């Protein structure tokens, strides 16, 4: 990884609370995780099973959707929908370079020191803003207006001590998400490349009896920065979660390390190889597995 760094210079959004990405959503059905090889591209699904919110839009090695007109059709983003970025590592945004609809949507991103390529890409976005520094370390949420409100929780992480990978600045100051079903009292964890225990609000759901319905393994199932606190958070959490590893079937990083997830109660673990059976995404839906 290159040690050359540059700063994301996009302006901060003036009022995060003024965003309403769930304005036409009565219920969150679950999440759709696209098979983009090494990287993340995730959509949240509304009451009709349609994507309405996008988390990351990447995929490098092994991504069959990275080029060509199929991107806009197979990773659909509507102009009035929000795209949020967990962090600026290239495997979390690079597919959007060739996705016209994705680049035309509104983006809300962390301000980070990252690669010059990422900074150049950020300047091609039609409507992009940074998460303001005033909310760093404070859990935020978007909610539906229904009786058993569903919600998207997220937190821009403050910097913590570097791990083994000294260039992994983006992982250390990324954004962690959770998608919550009020009706089922279930949660799906989407932490990007940040270890699960880094998000302060994840413990809130475990302590308050929410079932762990599913998760996308942090950092594609990497062993890097896996800590005792991460294991303690996940072990014995009530539920029968689906665990997805968003990595290329062959990659130079040794992803995934499934052994780290063996303590997750009843976990159903899946490594992406969906294209072999003609699929390019996997849904994790609220309700019974």
Foldseek 3Di string as FASTA:
>chain_A
DDPDWDKQDFAADPDPVPDALCPPAQFWFFKKWFQQAAATWIFTAGPVRDGREIEFDFHDPPGPQQDDPCVCVVRPDAQAGEYEYQFQDRRRHRSCVHHPRVLNHEYEYAIFIHDPVSNVVVVSRPHYHYHDPVQALPKDWHWHPYPLIKIKIKHQYDADDDWPPPSVRGQRGTMWIKTAGSVQLAIETEGEQHQPVRRPCLLVSQVVQRAHAEYEDHSLQAPTPDDPSSLVSQAPRHYQYEYERNHHPDDPRPPHDCVSVPRRPNYHYDYDPCVVVPDGIDTRTPDHD
